[in-house]
């Protein structure tokens, strides 16, 4: 009887031990499977984050290179414009200064303005031209010689302290004048010449 009891006890013990081992093995296998899944998910997330970071870095690099290229083009364009402006200013400054005080130039300009004043073909215009008071002594004699031609064109000449260089011209009974000062003529010529100078300098 005692032997049977011991045998039964051993059998139960062995079965329990085997069952415990089986359950432990199952738990270990499950833990390993979960750990492998967690590692795989972490690796997948890390790969995705790395891919996103690389993509973002590439976008930043492309945008930066585009901005640098654009800034470079703008800088080159500005430098070219500045060079052209300096050349135009240097080339025209003396000629304009001399021209705006040349009686023949002033007379031709006044006659041309009168001919083109508001489509002057419709009838004779009556304009008043103001010359620099400070240059009266230099211009008086020459303007007197041109008086007949200027009057025929519809231009009456006078002098003003407000006019420093060149001349102003406007309708005789009007309240406004168009300025043809040294700075105005330089600006007009500069706009025209700057493009021509740029073509000569920078376009092969």
Protein backbone atom coordinates (compact mmCIF):
# COMPACT_ATOMS: atom_id res chain seq x y z
CA UNK A 1 0.00 0.00 0.00
CA UNK A 2 2.80 2.30 0.97
CA UNK A 3 4.59 1.52 -2.28
CA UNK A 4 1.51 2.37 -4.26
CA UNK A 5 1.20 5.65 -2.37
CA UNK A 6 4.80 6.55 -3.07
CA UNK A 7 4.40 5.58 -6.68
CA UNK A 8 1.25 7.68 -6.99
CA UNK A 9 2.96 10.61 -5.27
CA UNK A 10 5.98 10.35 -7.61
CA UNK A 11 3.68 10.10 -10.60
CA UNK A 12 1.77 13.21 -9.54
CA UNK A 13 5.04 15.00 -8.86
CA UNK A 14 6.47 14.04 -12.25
CA UNK A 15 3.28 15.07 -14.04
CA UNK A 16 3.23 18.42 -12.18
CA UNK A 17 6.89 18.96 -12.91
CA UNK A 18 6.37 18.15 -16.58
CA UNK A 19 3.34 20.40 -16.70
CA UNK A 20 5.29 23.20 -15.02
CA UNK A 21 8.15 22.78 -17.47
CA UNK A 22 5.72 22.83 -20.38
CA UNK A 23 4.02 25.98 -19.07
CA UNK A 24 7.39 27.60 -18.37
CA UNK A 25 8.59 26.76 -21.87
CA UNK A 26 5.36 28.21 -23.27
CA UNK A 27 5.81 31.38 -21.21
CA UNK A 28 9.44 31.71 -22.32
CA UNK A 29 8.47 31.15 -25.97
CA UNK A 30 5.64 33.71 -25.66
CA UNK A 31 8.00 36.21 -24.00
CA UNK A 32 10.58 35.66 -26.75
CA UNK A 33 7.89 36.12 -29.44
CA UNK A 34 6.67 39.34 -27.79
CA UNK A 35 10.23 40.62 -27.42
CA UNK A 36 10.95 39.83 -31.07
CA UNK A 37 7.76 41.67 -32.09
CA UNK A 38 8.69 44.70 -29.96
CA UNK A 39 12.22 44.74 -31.45
CA UNK A 40 10.81 44.41 -35.00
CA UNK A 41 8.34 47.25 -34.38
CA UNK A 42 11.08 49.42 -32.87
CA UNK A 43 13.37 48.70 -35.82
CA UNK A 44 10.54 49.49 -38.25
CA UNK A 45 9.80 52.80 -36.47
CA UNK A 46 13.49 53.66 -36.34
CA UNK A 47 13.80 52.97 -40.08
CA UNK A 48 10.73 55.12 -40.79
CA UNK A 49 12.04 57.98 -38.61
CA UNK A 50 15.44 57.73 -40.33
CA UNK A 51 13.79 57.77 -43.79
CA UNK A 52 11.71 60.83 -42.84
CA UNK A 53 14.80 62.58 -41.45
CA UNK A 54 16.74 61.85 -44.65
CA UNK A 55 13.84 63.08 -46.80
CA UNK A 56 13.54 66.26 -44.73
CA UNK A 57 17.30 66.82 -44.90
CA UNK A 58 17.20 66.41 -48.69
CA UNK A 59 14.31 68.90 -48.94
CA UNK A 60 16.17 71.40 -46.74
CA UNK A 61 19.31 70.95 -48.86
CA UNK A 62 17.38 71.44 -52.12
CA UNK A 63 15.57 74.52 -50.77
CA UNK A 64 18.82 75.95 -49.42
CA UNK A 65 20.60 75.42 -52.75
CA UNK A 66 17.66 77.02 -54.59
CA UNK A 67 17.72 80.03 -52.24
CA UNK A 68 21.49 80.37 -52.61
CA UNK A 69 21.22 80.18 -56.41
CA UNK A 70 18.43 82.77 -56.44
CA UNK A 71 20.33 85.09 -54.09
CA UNK A 72 23.41 84.68 -56.28
CA UNK A 73 21.48 85.59 -59.44
CA UNK A 74 19.93 88.61 -57.71
CA UNK A 75 23.33 89.73 -56.46
CA UNK A 76 24.89 89.39 -59.92
CA UNK A 77 21.95 91.25 -61.48
CA UNK A 78 22.26 94.06 -58.93
CA UNK A 79 26.03 94.32 -59.44
CA UNK A 80 25.55 94.47 -63.22
CA UNK A 81 22.91 97.17 -62.81
CA UNK A 82 25.18 99.17 -60.49
CA UNK A 83 28.10 98.88 -62.93
CA UNK A 84 25.90 99.99 -65.84
CA UNK A 85 24.55 102.91 -63.76
CA UNK A 86 28.07 104.04 -62.81
CA UNK A 87 29.23 103.89 -66.43
CA UNK A 88 26.14 105.79 -67.64
CA UNK A 89 26.55 108.42 -64.90
CA UNK A 90 30.25 108.85 -65.67
CA UNK A 91 29.67 109.00 -69.42
CA UNK A 92 26.70 111.37 -69.39
CA UNK A 93 27.30 113.69 -66.43
CA UNK A 94 29.64 116.11 -68.17
CA UNK A 95 27.72 116.09 -71.46
CA UNK A 96 24.39 116.72 -69.74
CA UNK A 97 25.84 119.51 -67.60
CA UNK A 98 27.15 121.24 -70.72
CA UNK A 99 23.99 120.60 -72.74
CA UNK A 100 21.55 122.05 -70.20
CA UNK A 101 23.46 125.34 -70.31
CA UNK A 102 23.91 125.38 -74.08
CA UNK A 103 21.54 127.97 -75.65
CA UNK A 104 21.26 126.03 -78.93
CA UNK A 105 20.29 122.84 -77.06
CA UNK A 106 17.74 124.72 -74.91
CA UNK A 107 16.21 126.38 -77.98
CA UNK A 108 15.93 123.06 -79.86
CA UNK A 109 14.38 121.39 -76.83
CA UNK A 110 11.85 124.20 -76.35
CA UNK A 111 10.84 124.14 -80.03
CA UNK A 112 10.53 120.33 -79.91
CA UNK A 113 8.44 120.48 -76.72
CA UNK A 114 6.15 123.09 -78.32
CA UNK A 115 5.68 120.96 -81.45
CA UNK A 116 4.74 117.93 -79.36
CA UNK A 117 2.77 119.61 -76.58
CA UNK A 118 -0.55 117.74 -76.24
CA UNK A 119 -0.59 116.88 -79.94
CA UNK A 120 0.17 120.44 -80.99
CA UNK A 121 -0.93 119.72 -84.56
CA UNK A 122 -4.45 120.72 -83.52
CA UNK A 123 -3.40 124.35 -83.13
CA UNK A 124 -0.69 126.70 -81.96
CA UNK A 125 0.33 126.34 -78.32
CA UNK A 126 1.19 129.11 -75.91
CA UNK A 127 3.94 128.01 -73.56
CA UNK A 128 6.02 129.79 -70.95
CA UNK A 129 9.61 128.60 -70.48
CA UNK A 130 11.57 129.49 -67.34
CA UNK A 131 15.38 129.50 -67.45
CA UNK A 132 17.79 129.83 -64.50
CA UNK A 133 17.99 133.41 -63.23
CA UNK A 134 21.63 132.76 -62.33
CA UNK A 135 22.42 132.10 -66.02
CA UNK A 136 20.55 135.13 -67.40
CA UNK A 137 23.76 136.90 -68.43
CA UNK A 138 24.98 133.86 -70.39
CA UNK A 139 21.64 133.00 -71.99
CA UNK A 140 20.05 136.43 -72.66
CA UNK A 141 21.89 137.27 -75.88
CA UNK A 142 21.45 133.77 -77.32
CA UNK A 143 17.74 133.65 -76.41
CA UNK A 144 17.25 137.09 -78.00
CA UNK A 145 18.68 135.71 -81.26
CA UNK A 146 16.28 132.73 -81.06
CA UNK A 147 13.29 134.80 -79.92
CA UNK A 148 11.59 134.89 -83.32
CA UNK A 149 11.81 131.12 -83.77
CA UNK A 150 10.65 130.46 -80.20
CA UNK A 151 7.71 132.87 -80.50
CA UNK A 152 6.76 131.28 -83.82
CA UNK A 153 6.69 127.92 -82.02
CA UNK A 154 4.51 129.46 -79.27
CA UNK A 155 7.16 129.68 -76.55
CA UNK A 156 7.73 132.74 -74.38
CA UNK A 157 10.98 132.72 -72.41
CA UNK A 158 11.46 134.06 -68.88
CA UNK A 159 13.77 133.56 -65.91
CA UNK A 160 13.19 132.22 -62.39
CA UNK A 161 15.19 131.88 -59.17
CA UNK A 162 13.53 128.49 -58.62
CA UNK A 163 15.14 127.05 -61.75
CA UNK A 164 18.73 126.07 -60.98
CA UNK A 165 19.69 124.18 -64.16
CA UNK A 166 18.07 123.42 -67.50
CA UNK A 167 14.57 124.84 -67.85
CA UNK A 168 10.90 124.40 -66.99
CA UNK A 169 8.11 124.68 -69.51
CA UNK A 170 4.35 124.78 -69.16
CA UNK A 171 1.15 126.23 -70.62
CA UNK A 172 1.29 130.03 -70.49
CA UNK A 173 -1.97 130.33 -68.58
CA UNK A 174 -1.53 127.03 -66.70
CA UNK A 175 -0.41 126.42 -63.16
CA UNK A 176 2.14 123.64 -63.69
CA UNK A 177 5.50 123.20 -65.39
CA UNK A 178 7.41 120.23 -66.74
CA UNK A 179 10.98 120.22 -65.50
CA UNK A 180 13.99 119.63 -67.76
CA UNK A 181 16.69 120.09 -65.14
CA UNK A 182 20.14 118.52 -65.27
CA UNK A 183 18.94 115.73 -62.95
CA UNK A 184 15.78 115.14 -65.02
CA UNK A 185 17.71 114.82 -68.29
CA UNK A 186 20.32 112.59 -66.65
CA UNK A 187 17.53 110.34 -65.35
CA UNK A 188 15.86 110.15 -68.79
CA UNK A 189 19.13 109.39 -70.55
CA UNK A 190 20.14 106.96 -67.81
CA UNK A 191 16.97 104.89 -68.24
CA UNK A 192 17.57 104.65 -71.98
CA UNK A 193 21.33 104.12 -71.85
CA UNK A 194 21.45 101.69 -68.92
CA UNK A 195 19.87 98.91 -70.99
CA UNK A 196 22.15 99.62 -73.93
CA UNK A 197 25.25 99.63 -71.71
CA UNK A 198 24.13 96.37 -70.03
CA UNK A 199 23.74 94.74 -73.45
CA UNK A 200 27.19 95.89 -74.50
CA UNK A 201 28.84 94.76 -71.26
CA UNK A 202 27.06 91.57 -70.32
CA UNK A 203 25.35 90.05 -73.37
CA UNK A 204 27.67 88.30 -75.73
